[in-house]
Amino acid sequence: MHAETVILQRESSKGWIEETMRTPEWTEPDPRDPAVRRCFRAIPMRDGRILRVACVEDDVECRVVSAFLDRDARKPA
């Protein structure tokens, strides 16, 4: 699966992604696609860098569109 390959290349963890989707520190809608929700969470094992997970949810599943450490992400005040 492409997403799993990218996760490994970016040195992310499936567990971090799942935790970010389940219990994000904050969320925001994707500005280009209202069906996509962006979830954010600081990852202590990566020096507190922010993981951004973009996902699409429905009644059956939650599909990850992208996941990466977002160097521009800032927690809203």
Protein backbone atom coordinates (compact mmCIF):
# COMPACT_ATOMS: atom_id res chain seq x y z
CA MET A 1 0.00 0.00 0.00
CA HIS A 2 1.33 3.43 -0.97
CA ALA A 3 0.40 5.03 2.37
CA GLU A 4 2.39 2.43 4.32
CA THR A 5 5.44 2.98 2.11
CA VAL A 6 5.27 6.73 2.67
CA ILE A 7 4.88 6.23 6.43
CA LEU A 8 8.07 4.17 6.51
CA GLN A 9 9.97 6.63 4.30
CA ARG A 10 9.00 9.53 6.54
CA GLU A 11 9.89 7.58 9.70
CA SER A 12 6.36 7.84 11.05
CA SER A 13 4.50 5.20 13.00
CA LYS A 14 1.09 3.68 12.36
CA GLY A 15 0.44 4.03 16.08
CA TRP A 16 1.14 7.77 15.99
CA ILE A 17 -1.24 8.14 13.06
CA GLU A 18 -3.99 6.15 14.74
CA GLU A 19 -3.58 8.07 18.00
CA THR A 20 -3.64 11.39 16.15
CA MET A 21 -6.88 10.44 14.39
CA ARG A 22 -8.53 9.15 17.60
CA THR A 23 -7.38 11.87 20.00
CA PRO A 24 -6.04 14.88 18.11
CA GLU A 25 -4.83 17.92 20.02
CA TRP A 26 -6.74 19.99 17.45
CA THR A 27 -8.49 19.59 14.12
CA GLU A 28 -9.36 21.77 11.16
CA PRO A 29 -11.12 21.25 7.85
CA ASP A 30 -8.99 20.94 4.74
CA PRO A 31 -9.25 24.27 2.89
CA ARG A 32 -9.54 22.57 -0.51
CA ASP A 33 -11.86 19.67 0.36
CA PRO A 34 -14.52 19.97 3.08
CA ALA A 35 -14.81 16.16 3.24
CA VAL A 36 -11.24 15.95 4.55
CA ARG A 37 -10.46 16.57 8.22
CA ARG A 38 -6.94 17.47 9.33
CA CYS A 39 -5.92 16.12 12.75
CA PHE A 40 -2.84 17.39 14.58
CA ARG A 41 -0.83 16.04 17.51
CA ALA A 42 2.65 16.69 18.93
CA ILE A 43 4.88 13.61 18.86
CA PRO A 44 7.22 13.57 21.88
CA MET A 45 9.45 10.89 20.31
CA ARG A 46 10.10 13.32 17.44
CA ASP A 47 11.09 16.24 19.67
CA GLY A 48 7.51 17.52 19.87
CA ARG A 49 7.13 17.99 16.12
CA ILE A 50 3.53 18.12 14.92
CA LEU A 51 2.04 15.18 13.01
CA ARG A 52 -0.70 16.16 10.57
CA VAL A 53 -3.07 13.40 9.47
CA ALA A 54 -5.61 14.19 6.76
CA CYS A 55 -8.50 11.73 6.75
CA VAL A 56 -11.93 11.13 5.31
CA GLU A 57 -14.49 9.53 7.63
CA ASP A 58 -17.86 7.94 7.01
CA ASP A 59 -20.10 5.55 8.93
CA VAL A 60 -17.95 2.55 7.98
CA GLU A 61 -14.32 3.64 7.95
CA CYS A 62 -11.76 6.37 8.39
CA ARG A 63 -9.39 6.55 5.41
CA VAL A 64 -6.00 8.27 5.74
CA VAL A 65 -5.31 10.59 2.83
CA SER A 66 -1.90 11.77 4.04
CA ALA A 67 0.24 11.84 7.15
CA PHE A 68 3.44 13.77 7.75
CA LEU A 69 5.34 15.86 10.27
CA ASP A 70 4.17 19.38 9.44
CA ARG A 71 6.91 21.89 10.16
CA ASP A 72 4.51 24.80 9.59
CA ALA A 73 1.73 23.61 11.96
CA ARG A 74 1.05 25.77 15.00
CA LYS A 75 -1.49 24.98 17.69
CA PRO A 76 -4.26 27.59 17.71
CA ALA A 77 -4.35 29.89 20.71
